[in-house]
């Protein structure tokens, strides 16, 4: 006997007038007729809380569990992600049958049904592939092949408009289908908990399904390879958060598992390069110019002094004016030199001239970063802002050396490092990169130039923040929650120097925070976090080589231990 339902968009309607009695098993069928083209296989029918996948004829057995007792059965259907319907109802009348004590077999779960369907498809695909390999389809001019099937002309040459069929092509495409079916079967086994994921794609699928905790624990490691183009390293990543909810650039929130590199990067990339003092929107002619010093916290007696210089050659549009002596940051400006360059990634000076006290020529402004001149700190020591940093560009690029950096803000400037190494992502195999996505990263800005607000970026790789490392943050609740791995590390700390909340203190020293180099695992190195020291324009926070939580200038050649999210 058959129940008949019609599906039209999100509406379901029962069409038959059959009387249904309780206690029947493996007898009552349901058929679903599609009246709109937005229903696509696989379609799943719901009978109360029991899900059954419809076969190719859009039929299924009604689960005997819902027919055990008299009452009302609620029927609906769904497909895709997620196309649902309203409800229809079936009345179940009392039965005169008196059953014994032996229960019937339960209706298979929807996942077991899908497993069976996939296995059938795998078997069919493999059978077709074997026959294609053996020449079973090689009939000529539409004549029957060796298996008696009518088939178009097939040969092992490359397909063409006149001969679109090729035995080799059929074998290849059916083989690809079989491989995908095998993969789908494995995914269903992961859902059911029958198989542990082994490949990165299987791990990503388990994460996507919210099942990472079935197979992994915080502190476990995944071990992709990474190469610097010369040597290949096993590069372990610690699982630092099993189950999170990262946000993608689309605004979608999904399941994610956070990893962090166990060892420090081989290449020590400056957080940011020394920036320009002046960036020429248009040509700056040869002549005499002056500016007023401000923002010099290293030698405050310099603030208010007026400094002049004379150019004998113009600075072209797009060119820059840059302090020549990096170590002159805490010395009198008069007597130092300044150089001109044709662009932000040019390292050959057009000319270098001497600075002196004086107010001759045209006034260029004040070195406070609010006019045409950069802030004094950034003009010597770079910017501590993650969003515009050179480190962010390095970690999130797979481009060759010299091609992964572009100017990010008005006074931004490159260092020679950009020509020394390719982008960090170029060192990973494709199977690892395919399972990570750029996720929303929030980072506080400094309060000197950037009003103390929050930057939002979407990054594949990023250093963690103070707060994520379970250190006392400068701006609580902004840069992410403390990661479980680092909360565990803090709980085992033996220094006795944690704050009252059990967090690492700013400017405290903790041996458990020391990082070792990937290519020299006994070498301790200093590593950048992404958090900015909010009272300075040029200081990101750093874990020093002795485990000290401190800050340092952005131009320093420090390493980092980047994080990423499988999702």
Protein backbone atom coordinates (compact mmCIF):
# COMPACT_ATOMS: atom_id res chain seq x y z
CA UNK A 1 0.00 0.00 0.00
CA UNK A 2 1.19 3.48 -0.78
CA UNK A 3 0.81 6.92 0.77
CA UNK A 4 1.12 9.73 -1.79
CA UNK A 5 2.43 13.23 -1.05
CA UNK A 6 2.94 16.18 -3.38
CA UNK A 7 5.80 18.65 -2.86
CA UNK A 8 5.47 22.17 -4.25
CA UNK A 9 8.25 24.52 -3.18
CA UNK A 10 7.89 24.43 0.62
CA UNK A 11 4.39 22.98 0.70
CA UNK A 12 3.50 19.31 1.25
CA UNK A 13 0.04 17.82 0.66
CA UNK A 14 -1.26 14.27 1.13
CA UNK A 15 -3.16 12.95 -1.91
CA UNK A 16 -4.27 9.36 -1.09
CA UNK A 17 -7.27 8.21 1.00
CA UNK A 18 -5.78 4.98 2.34
CA UNK A 19 -6.55 3.84 5.87
CA UNK A 20 -3.42 3.07 7.91
CA UNK A 21 -3.41 0.47 10.68
CA UNK A 22 -0.87 0.21 13.49
CA UNK A 23 1.70 -2.61 13.90
CA UNK A 24 2.60 -3.06 10.20
CA UNK A 25 6.28 -3.39 9.20
CA UNK A 26 8.03 -3.28 5.82
CA UNK A 27 4.66 -2.94 4.11
CA UNK A 28 3.53 0.68 3.95
CA UNK A 29 5.31 2.81 1.36
CA UNK A 30 5.32 6.56 0.77
CA UNK A 31 5.66 8.21 -2.63
CA UNK A 32 6.56 11.88 -3.15
CA UNK A 33 5.59 13.69 -6.36
CA UNK A 34 7.55 16.83 -7.25
CA UNK A 35 5.55 19.77 -8.56
CA UNK A 36 8.41 22.31 -8.55
CA UNK A 37 11.96 22.07 -9.89
CA UNK A 38 13.67 23.23 -6.66
CA UNK A 39 13.65 19.69 -5.24
CA UNK A 40 16.97 17.93 -5.89
CA UNK A 41 18.32 14.56 -4.77
CA UNK A 42 18.99 13.35 -2.20
CA UNK A 43 15.57 14.11 -0.74
CA UNK A 44 14.91 13.01 2.82
CA UNK A 45 11.45 12.31 4.22
CA UNK A 46 10.74 12.85 7.92
CA UNK A 47 8.17 10.68 9.71
CA UNK A 48 7.97 12.18 13.20
CA UNK A 49 11.67 12.04 14.20
CA UNK A 50 12.68 9.30 11.73
CA UNK A 51 14.55 10.32 8.58
CA UNK A 52 14.47 8.19 5.41
CA UNK A 53 16.24 8.95 2.12
CA UNK A 54 14.02 8.58 -0.95
CA UNK A 55 15.13 6.21 -3.70
CA UNK A 56 15.48 7.13 -7.40
CA UNK A 57 11.70 6.75 -7.79
CA UNK A 58 11.17 9.15 -4.88
CA UNK A 59 9.75 6.36 -2.73
CA UNK A 60 10.58 4.88 0.69
CA UNK A 61 9.21 2.52 3.31
CA UNK A 62 7.44 4.23 6.17
CA UNK A 63 9.47 3.48 9.34
CA UNK A 64 7.69 0.81 11.35
CA UNK A 65 8.55 2.67 14.55
CA UNK A 66 5.99 5.43 13.79
CA UNK A 67 3.29 2.77 13.14
CA UNK A 68 3.70 0.90 16.41
CA UNK A 69 0.86 2.68 18.20
CA UNK A 70 -2.37 4.42 17.16
CA UNK A 71 -2.11 8.18 16.79
CA UNK A 72 -0.95 10.82 14.38
CA UNK A 73 2.25 10.73 12.27
CA UNK A 74 3.76 14.03 11.12
CA UNK A 75 5.27 13.92 7.61
CA UNK A 76 7.59 16.47 5.96
CA UNK A 77 10.62 16.51 3.66
CA UNK A 78 13.87 18.35 3.07
CA UNK A 79 16.81 18.52 0.67
CA UNK A 80 19.94 20.57 0.12
CA UNK A 81 21.09 23.12 2.71
CA UNK A 82 18.28 23.52 3.72
CA UNK A 83 15.03 23.26 1.71
CA UNK A 84 12.18 22.27 4.05
CA UNK A 85 8.40 21.86 3.87
CA UNK A 86 5.35 22.36 5.99
CA UNK A 87 3.79 19.25 7.61
CA UNK A 88 1.19 16.70 6.49
CA UNK A 89 -0.45 14.22 8.85
CA UNK A 90 -1.35 10.52 8.71
CA UNK A 91 -3.82 8.99 11.20
CA UNK A 92 -2.84 5.53 12.44
CA UNK A 93 -5.78 3.43 13.61
CA UNK A 94 -5.66 0.61 16.17
CA UNK A 95 -4.75 -2.88 14.88
CA UNK A 96 -6.15 -6.22 15.97
CA UNK A 97 -2.70 -7.81 15.68
CA UNK A 98 -1.11 -9.02 18.94
CA UNK A 99 2.65 -9.29 18.43
CA UNK A 100 5.12 -11.41 20.39
CA UNK A 101 8.13 -10.22 22.34
CA UNK A 102 10.68 -10.17 19.49
CA UNK A 103 11.25 -6.57 18.31
CA UNK A 104 11.69 -5.75 14.64
CA UNK A 105 14.93 -4.39 13.22
CA UNK A 106 15.12 -0.59 13.53
CA UNK A 107 14.79 1.61 10.47
CA UNK A 108 18.32 2.49 9.28
CA UNK A 109 19.49 6.02 10.10
CA UNK A 110 19.73 8.51 7.28
CA UNK A 111 23.53 8.26 7.43
CA UNK A 112 23.50 4.49 7.06
CA UNK A 113 21.15 4.87 4.12
CA UNK A 114 23.50 7.39 2.51
CA UNK A 115 26.43 5.05 3.17
CA UNK A 116 24.62 2.28 1.32
CA UNK A 117 23.74 4.57 -1.58
CA UNK A 118 27.33 5.78 -1.87
CA UNK A 119 28.71 2.25 -1.74
CA UNK A 120 26.34 1.19 -4.51
CA UNK A 121 27.55 4.17 -6.59
CA UNK A 122 31.17 3.23 -5.87
CA UNK A 123 30.58 -0.34 -7.01
CA UNK A 124 28.79 0.83 -10.17
CA UNK A 125 31.53 3.35 -11.02
CA UNK A 126 34.25 0.74 -10.51
CA UNK A 127 32.37 -1.76 -12.69
CA UNK A 128 32.00 0.79 -15.50
CA UNK A 129 35.68 1.73 -15.20
CA UNK A 130 36.78 -1.89 -15.43
CA UNK A 131 34.64 -2.44 -18.52
CA UNK A 132 35.99 0.76 -20.12
CA UNK A 133 39.54 -0.38 -19.40
CA UNK A 134 38.89 -3.77 -20.96
CA UNK A 135 37.38 -2.30 -24.14
CA UNK A 136 33.83 -3.38 -23.43
CA UNK A 137 32.51 -0.16 -24.98
CA UNK A 138 34.62 -0.28 -28.13
CA UNK A 139 31.76 -0.84 -30.57
CA UNK A 140 32.19 0.75 -33.98
CA UNK A 141 29.79 3.19 -35.58
CA UNK A 142 27.11 2.52 -33.00
CA UNK A 143 27.37 -1.29 -33.26
CA UNK A 144 27.11 -3.33 -30.06
CA UNK A 145 30.30 -3.59 -28.03
CA UNK A 146 31.69 -6.72 -26.46
CA UNK A 147 29.06 -6.58 -23.74
CA UNK A 148 26.19 -6.35 -26.25
CA UNK A 149 25.42 -2.71 -25.38
CA UNK A 150 24.74 -0.17 -28.11
CA UNK A 151 27.50 2.43 -27.94
CA UNK A 152 28.89 5.21 -30.13
CA UNK A 153 32.24 4.72 -31.75
CA UNK A 154 34.92 4.65 -29.05
CA UNK A 155 38.65 4.36 -29.40
CA UNK A 156 41.70 5.18 -27.33
CA UNK A 157 42.61 8.31 -29.26
CA UNK A 158 42.03 11.77 -27.96
CA UNK A 159 38.38 12.87 -28.20
CA UNK A 160 37.42 15.20 -31.06
CA UNK A 161 34.20 16.81 -32.40
CA UNK A 162 33.85 13.91 -34.89
CA UNK A 163 34.65 11.26 -32.30
CA UNK A 164 33.54 12.62 -28.92
CA UNK A 165 33.91 9.26 -27.24
CA UNK A 166 37.23 7.78 -26.23
CA UNK A 167 37.80 4.63 -24.22
CA UNK A 168 40.69 6.29 -22.42
CA UNK A 169 38.56 9.36 -21.70
CA UNK A 170 35.67 7.25 -20.34
CA UNK A 171 38.07 5.32 -18.14
CA UNK A 172 39.63 8.51 -16.80
CA UNK A 173 36.36 10.27 -16.02
CA UNK A 174 34.74 7.22 -14.46
CA UNK A 175 37.89 6.74 -12.40
CA UNK A 176 37.58 10.29 -11.11
CA UNK A 177 33.93 9.64 -10.26
CA UNK A 178 34.88 6.48 -8.41
CA UNK A 179 37.54 8.34 -6.45
CA UNK A 180 35.05 11.01 -5.42
CA UNK A 181 32.56 8.34 -4.37
CA UNK A 182 35.25 6.70 -2.24
CA UNK A 183 35.91 10.08 -0.62
CA UNK A 184 32.22 10.64 0.06
CA UNK A 185 31.94 7.18 1.60
CA UNK A 186 34.85 8.04 3.92
CA UNK A 187 33.18 11.32 4.90
CA UNK A 188 30.03 9.45 5.92
CA UNK A 189 32.14 7.03 7.97
CA UNK A 190 33.65 10.05 9.74
CA UNK A 191 30.17 11.41 10.49
CA UNK A 192 29.21 8.03 11.95
CA UNK A 193 32.40 7.87 14.00
CA UNK A 194 33.49 4.68 12.26
CA UNK A 195 36.75 6.09 10.86
CA UNK A 196 39.28 8.58 12.20
CA UNK A 197 40.31 11.28 9.69
CA UNK A 198 43.85 10.88 8.38
CA UNK A 199 44.28 13.32 5.47
CA UNK A 200 44.02 17.09 5.86
CA UNK A 201 40.79 17.09 3.84
CA UNK A 202 39.28 14.43 6.10
CA UNK A 203 40.33 16.46 9.15
CA UNK A 204 38.72 19.57 7.63
CA UNK A 205 35.53 17.61 7.02
CA UNK A 206 35.44 16.39 10.65
CA UNK A 207 35.93 20.00 11.80
CA UNK A 208 33.19 21.23 9.46
CA UNK A 209 30.81 18.66 10.97
CA UNK A 210 31.66 19.80 14.52
CA UNK A 211 33.28 16.45 15.31
CA UNK A 212 36.94 17.40 15.85
CA UNK A 213 36.73 16.58 19.56
CA UNK A 214 35.92 12.94 18.71
CA UNK A 215 39.40 12.44 17.29
CA UNK A 216 41.70 15.17 18.67
CA UNK A 217 42.63 16.91 21.91
CA UNK A 218 44.13 20.32 22.61
CA UNK A 219 47.91 19.94 22.33
CA UNK A 220 47.81 17.27 19.62
CA UNK A 221 49.89 18.07 16.56
CA UNK A 222 49.30 18.08 12.82
CA UNK A 223 52.49 17.92 10.79
CA UNK A 224 52.52 19.49 7.34
CA UNK A 225 55.80 19.99 5.56
CA UNK A 226 57.25 23.42 4.85
CA UNK A 227 60.17 24.36 2.63
CA UNK A 228 62.31 27.47 2.37
CA UNK A 229 63.20 26.42 -1.18
CA UNK A 230 66.39 24.72 -0.01
CA UNK A 231 65.43 22.37 2.81
CA UNK A 232 62.14 20.63 3.62
CA UNK A 233 61.07 20.62 7.27
CA UNK A 234 58.38 18.70 9.12
CA UNK A 235 56.58 21.71 10.58
CA UNK A 236 54.31 20.64 13.47
CA UNK A 237 51.29 22.74 14.37
CA UNK A 238 49.75 22.44 17.84
CA UNK A 239 45.98 22.30 18.17
CA UNK A 240 45.43 25.33 20.40
CA UNK A 241 41.62 25.46 20.21
CA UNK A 242 39.58 22.40 19.23
CA UNK A 243 36.24 23.97 18.44
CA UNK A 244 35.78 27.61 17.57
CA UNK A 245 33.43 29.65 15.41
CA UNK A 246 35.55 31.72 13.02
CA UNK A 247 33.88 34.28 10.80
CA UNK A 248 34.61 34.43 7.08
CA UNK A 249 34.69 37.59 4.97
CA UNK A 250 31.16 36.75 3.76
CA UNK A 251 29.93 37.16 7.33
CA UNK A 252 29.29 33.42 7.65
CA UNK A 253 30.23 31.82 10.98
CA UNK A 254 31.41 28.21 10.72
CA UNK A 255 33.12 25.46 12.73
CA UNK A 256 36.89 25.90 12.96
CA UNK A 257 39.92 24.37 14.69
CA UNK A 258 42.78 26.74 15.56
CA UNK A 259 46.37 25.60 14.97
CA UNK A 260 49.58 27.36 15.92
CA UNK A 261 53.03 26.58 14.65
CA UNK A 262 55.06 24.81 17.37
CA UNK A 263 58.44 26.19 16.31
CA UNK A 264 59.38 29.70 15.24
CA UNK A 265 59.61 30.55 11.54
CA UNK A 266 62.89 29.95 9.77
CA UNK A 267 62.84 33.44 8.24
CA UNK A 268 62.95 36.36 10.66
CA UNK A 269 60.70 38.95 9.02
CA UNK A 270 60.56 42.50 10.43
CA UNK A 271 57.09 43.38 11.67
CA UNK A 272 57.38 46.51 9.52
CA UNK A 273 60.10 48.43 7.73
CA UNK A 274 61.30 51.90 8.68
CA UNK A 275 58.80 54.30 7.13
CA UNK A 276 59.35 57.45 5.10
CA UNK A 277 59.31 60.87 6.73
CA UNK A 278 57.70 62.38 3.62
CA UNK A 279 55.88 60.76 0.69
CA UNK A 280 55.57 62.83 -2.50
CA UNK A 281 52.03 62.76 -3.95
CA UNK A 282 53.44 64.93 -6.70
CA UNK A 283 56.94 66.02 -7.59
CA UNK A 284 58.77 67.95 -4.86
CA UNK A 285 61.15 70.38 -6.65
CA UNK A 286 64.77 70.93 -5.72
CA UNK A 287 65.15 73.64 -3.09
CA UNK A 288 65.30 74.32 0.65
CA UNK A 289 62.71 72.94 3.08
CA UNK A 290 62.21 72.82 6.84
CA UNK A 291 60.10 70.93 9.39
CA UNK A 292 59.39 70.99 13.13
CA UNK A 293 60.28 68.01 15.33
CA UNK A 294 57.51 66.45 17.43
CA UNK A 295 56.78 63.02 18.86
CA UNK A 296 60.39 62.34 19.88
CA UNK A 297 59.89 60.38 23.10
CA UNK A 298 63.47 59.14 23.08
CA UNK A 299 65.05 62.61 23.29
CA UNK A 300 62.25 65.00 24.24
CA UNK A 301 64.57 68.04 24.19
CA UNK A 302 64.47 67.79 20.39
CA UNK A 303 60.73 68.46 20.25
CA UNK A 304 59.99 71.94 18.92
CA UNK A 305 63.29 72.34 17.08
CA UNK A 306 63.09 73.45 13.45
CA UNK A 307 65.27 71.50 11.01
CA UNK A 308 66.13 72.45 7.43
CA UNK A 309 67.75 70.81 4.40
CA UNK A 310 68.41 71.60 0.74
CA UNK A 311 67.73 69.26 -2.19
CA UNK A 312 69.69 69.64 -5.41
CA UNK A 313 67.42 67.21 -7.28
CA UNK A 314 63.62 66.89 -7.22
CA UNK A 315 61.80 64.01 -5.55
CA UNK A 316 59.59 62.45 -8.27
CA UNK A 317 55.89 61.81 -7.71
CA UNK A 318 55.66 58.65 -5.63
CA UNK A 319 59.15 59.23 -4.23
CA UNK A 320 60.08 59.42 -0.55
CA UNK A 321 62.23 61.29 1.94
CA UNK A 322 63.84 58.91 4.47
CA UNK A 323 66.14 59.33 7.49
CA UNK A 324 69.52 57.84 6.56
CA UNK A 325 70.69 56.66 9.98
CA UNK A 326 68.38 54.16 11.66
CA UNK A 327 70.39 54.49 14.89
CA UNK A 328 69.82 58.24 14.99
CA UNK A 329 66.39 57.84 16.62
CA UNK A 330 67.59 59.02 20.07
CA UNK A 331 70.18 61.57 18.93
CA UNK A 332 69.94 65.24 17.88
CA UNK A 333 68.50 65.55 14.37
CA UNK A 334 70.81 68.39 13.33
CA UNK A 335 73.96 66.93 11.81
CA UNK A 336 72.23 63.73 10.68
CA UNK A 337 71.49 62.95 7.02
CA UNK A 338 68.32 62.37 5.03
CA UNK A 339 68.01 60.59 1.64
CA UNK A 340 65.57 60.75 -1.25
CA UNK A 341 64.25 57.71 -3.17
CA UNK A 342 62.18 57.24 -6.30
CA UNK A 343 59.63 54.97 -4.59
CA UNK A 344 58.74 52.90 -1.49
CA UNK A 345 60.60 49.80 -2.71
CA UNK A 346 63.66 51.63 -4.05
CA UNK A 347 66.91 51.26 -2.09
CA UNK A 348 69.23 53.35 -4.31
CA UNK A 349 69.19 56.93 -3.03
CA UNK A 350 68.77 59.77 -5.52
CA UNK A 351 70.81 61.94 -3.15
CA UNK A 352 71.68 62.25 0.54
CA UNK A 353 71.86 65.66 2.25
CA UNK A 354 72.74 66.97 5.72
CA UNK A 355 70.10 68.26 8.18
CA UNK A 356 70.72 71.42 10.20
CA UNK A 357 68.80 73.70 12.51
CA UNK A 358 67.07 76.49 10.63
CA UNK A 359 63.78 77.64 9.13
CA UNK A 360 64.85 78.38 5.57
CA UNK A 361 62.71 77.57 2.54
CA UNK A 362 59.27 75.91 2.46
CA UNK A 363 57.64 74.52 5.61
CA UNK A 364 56.77 70.80 5.24
CA UNK A 365 54.98 70.58 8.60
CA UNK A 366 55.38 68.79 11.94
CA UNK A 367 56.54 65.22 12.57
CA UNK A 368 53.37 64.19 14.41
CA UNK A 369 51.84 62.01 11.67
CA UNK A 370 48.78 64.21 11.30
CA UNK A 371 49.80 66.28 8.29
CA UNK A 372 52.18 65.74 5.40
CA UNK A 373 54.95 64.38 7.63
CA UNK A 374 55.03 60.98 9.31
CA UNK A 375 55.25 60.53 13.07
CA UNK A 376 58.84 60.76 14.34
CA UNK A 377 58.69 57.23 15.85
CA UNK A 378 57.48 55.52 12.70
CA UNK A 379 59.96 57.41 10.51
CA UNK A 380 62.74 55.65 12.44
CA UNK A 381 61.24 52.40 13.76
CA UNK A 382 58.32 51.45 11.50
CA UNK A 383 54.67 50.91 12.43
CA UNK A 384 53.29 48.55 15.08
CA UNK A 385 49.95 48.21 13.27
CA UNK A 386 49.20 44.62 12.19
CA UNK A 387 46.80 45.59 9.39
CA UNK A 388 49.44 47.45 7.39
CA UNK A 389 52.49 45.44 8.49
CA UNK A 390 55.06 43.81 6.26
CA UNK A 391 54.79 40.66 8.41
CA UNK A 392 51.10 40.30 7.56
CA UNK A 393 51.86 40.47 3.84
CA UNK A 394 54.67 37.92 4.17
CA UNK A 395 52.58 35.40 6.13
CA UNK A 396 49.61 35.64 3.78
CA UNK A 397 51.29 35.36 0.39
CA UNK A 398 52.50 32.53 -1.83
CA UNK A 399 54.17 34.87 -4.35
CA UNK A 400 57.87 34.78 -5.25
CA UNK A 401 60.48 37.00 -3.61
CA UNK A 402 60.08 40.63 -4.61
CA UNK A 403 56.39 40.21 -5.52
CA UNK A 404 54.53 39.74 -2.22
CA UNK A 405 54.83 43.28 -0.84
CA UNK A 406 52.78 46.35 -1.79
CA UNK A 407 52.53 49.75 -0.15
CA UNK A 408 49.79 49.75 2.52
CA UNK A 409 49.53 53.35 3.72
CA UNK A 410 50.84 56.83 2.98
CA UNK A 411 54.37 56.52 4.37
CA UNK A 412 54.79 52.75 4.06
CA UNK A 413 58.14 51.49 2.89
CA UNK A 414 59.72 48.11 2.16
CA UNK A 415 62.95 46.65 3.47
CA UNK A 416 65.41 44.48 1.57
CA UNK A 417 63.77 41.42 3.17
CA UNK A 418 61.05 41.44 0.49
CA UNK A 419 63.64 40.44 -2.14
CA UNK A 420 65.28 37.77 0.02
CA UNK A 421 62.49 35.19 0.45
CA UNK A 422 59.17 34.18 -1.19
CA UNK A 423 55.87 34.50 0.67
CA UNK A 424 55.50 32.16 3.65
CA UNK A 425 52.52 30.29 2.15
CA UNK A 426 54.61 29.19 -0.83
CA UNK A 427 56.44 26.75 1.44
CA UNK A 428 53.39 24.57 2.19
CA UNK A 429 51.95 21.72 0.15
CA UNK A 430 48.61 22.35 -1.53
CA UNK A 431 46.78 19.74 0.56
CA UNK A 432 47.44 21.72 3.75
CA UNK A 433 46.66 25.13 2.26
CA UNK A 434 43.39 23.81 0.83
CA UNK A 435 41.88 23.24 4.29
CA UNK A 436 42.53 26.67 5.81
CA UNK A 437 40.61 29.83 5.05
CA UNK A 438 41.15 33.54 5.74
CA UNK A 439 39.21 34.26 8.93
CA UNK A 440 38.23 37.43 10.75
CA UNK A 441 41.05 38.76 12.94
CA UNK A 442 40.57 41.74 15.27
CA UNK A 443 43.52 43.84 16.43
CA UNK A 444 43.60 47.01 18.54
CA UNK A 445 45.23 50.12 17.13
CA UNK A 446 47.53 52.43 19.08
CA UNK A 447 46.09 55.51 20.80
CA UNK A 448 48.74 57.94 19.50
CA UNK A 449 47.79 58.12 15.82
CA UNK A 450 44.96 55.67 15.37
CA UNK A 451 42.42 56.65 18.07
CA UNK A 452 42.69 53.29 19.82
CA UNK A 453 40.04 51.65 17.65
CA UNK A 454 39.99 48.14 16.22
CA UNK A 455 41.23 46.88 12.85
CA UNK A 456 39.46 43.95 11.20
CA UNK A 457 41.45 41.82 8.76
CA UNK A 458 40.84 38.43 7.13
CA UNK A 459 43.97 36.32 7.31
CA UNK A 460 45.15 32.81 6.51
CA UNK A 461 48.04 33.12 8.97
CA UNK A 462 48.49 35.52 11.88
CA UNK A 463 50.50 35.82 15.11
CA UNK A 464 48.24 35.41 18.12
CA UNK A 465 47.38 38.37 20.36
CA UNK A 466 48.17 39.00 24.02
CA UNK A 467 44.64 37.98 24.93
CA UNK A 468 44.73 34.76 22.87
CA UNK A 469 48.01 33.85 24.61
CA UNK A 470 46.24 34.27 27.96
CA UNK A 471 48.28 37.36 28.81
CA UNK A 472 46.76 40.43 30.42
CA UNK A 473 45.50 42.50 27.46
CA UNK A 474 45.70 46.25 27.04
CA UNK A 475 42.15 46.25 25.61
CA UNK A 476 40.09 43.40 27.07
CA UNK A 477 37.62 41.49 24.90
CA UNK A 478 38.85 42.92 21.58
CA UNK A 479 41.58 40.66 20.17
CA UNK A 480 39.98 37.23 20.73
CA UNK A 481 39.51 34.92 23.70
CA UNK A 482 42.29 33.06 25.50
CA UNK A 483 43.03 29.84 23.60
CA UNK A 484 42.63 26.59 25.55
CA UNK A 485 46.22 25.53 24.84
CA UNK A 486 47.64 28.70 26.38
CA UNK A 487 45.26 28.58 29.34
CA UNK A 488 46.63 25.10 29.98
CA UNK A 489 50.23 26.34 29.73
CA UNK A 490 49.45 29.12 32.21
CA UNK A 491 47.81 26.67 34.62
CA UNK A 492 51.08 24.68 34.74
CA UNK A 493 53.31 27.75 35.21
CA UNK A 494 55.77 27.43 38.10
CA UNK A 495 57.07 31.02 38.24
CA UNK A 496 54.35 32.15 40.65
CA UNK A 497 54.17 35.33 38.63
CA UNK A 498 50.69 35.12 37.09
CA UNK A 499 48.08 37.80 37.76
CA UNK A 500 45.04 37.18 39.97
CA UNK A 501 43.11 35.86 36.94
CA UNK A 502 45.77 33.27 36.17
CA UNK A 503 47.15 35.15 33.16
CA UNK A 504 50.69 35.98 32.11
CA UNK A 505 51.63 39.51 33.21
CA UNK A 506 52.84 42.18 30.83
CA UNK A 507 56.61 42.52 31.23
CA UNK A 508 56.71 39.26 33.20
CA UNK A 509 59.13 36.48 32.21
CA UNK A 510 57.96 32.88 31.69
CA UNK A 511 60.20 29.99 30.51
CA UNK A 512 57.13 28.19 29.07
CA UNK A 513 56.74 30.97 26.49
CA UNK A 514 60.21 30.54 24.96
CA UNK A 515 60.15 29.73 21.24
CA UNK A 516 62.71 27.56 19.42
CA UNK A 517 63.62 27.78 15.72
CA UNK A 518 62.20 25.26 13.26
CA UNK A 519 65.60 24.72 11.65
CA UNK A 520 67.65 24.89 14.88
CA UNK A 521 65.54 23.44 17.66
CA UNK A 522 67.92 24.40 20.45
CA UNK A 523 68.06 28.07 19.42
CA UNK A 524 65.84 30.43 21.42
CA UNK A 525 64.43 33.35 19.44
CA UNK A 526 62.30 36.42 20.01
CA UNK A 527 58.89 36.34 18.33
CA UNK A 528 56.32 38.97 17.41
CA UNK A 529 52.73 38.87 18.60
CA UNK A 530 50.28 40.93 16.54
CA UNK A 531 49.10 43.19 19.42
CA UNK A 532 50.33 46.78 19.31
CA UNK A 533 51.62 48.61 22.37
CA UNK A 534 48.82 51.11 22.40
CA UNK A 535 50.78 54.05 23.84
CA UNK A 536 53.43 53.89 21.08
CA UNK A 537 53.18 54.01 17.30
CA UNK A 538 56.09 51.67 16.54
CA UNK A 539 55.92 48.85 19.12
CA UNK A 540 54.28 45.45 18.63
CA UNK A 541 54.31 43.12 21.63
CA UNK A 542 57.03 40.48 21.60
CA UNK A 543 57.86 37.26 23.45
CA UNK A 544 61.54 37.73 24.05
CA UNK A 545 64.02 34.87 23.77
CA UNK A 546 64.06 34.42 27.57
CA UNK A 547 60.22 34.22 27.69
CA UNK A 548 59.72 37.87 28.60
CA UNK A 549 56.42 39.52 27.58
CA UNK A 550 57.68 42.85 26.30
CA UNK A 551 57.59 45.26 23.34
CA UNK A 552 60.18 46.11 20.73
CA UNK A 553 60.57 48.17 17.59
CA UNK A 554 58.75 47.00 14.45
CA UNK A 555 61.95 47.08 12.35
CA UNK A 556 63.56 44.31 14.43
CA UNK A 557 64.49 41.05 12.69
CA UNK A 558 62.35 38.79 14.90
CA UNK A 559 60.56 35.56 14.04
CA UNK A 560 56.97 34.55 14.88
CA UNK A 561 54.88 31.42 15.54
CA UNK A 562 51.81 32.01 13.33
CA UNK A 563 48.35 30.55 13.83
CA UNK A 564 45.74 29.48 11.27
CA UNK A 565 42.27 27.93 11.26
CA UNK A 566 41.14 24.69 9.62
CA UNK A 567 37.53 25.23 8.56
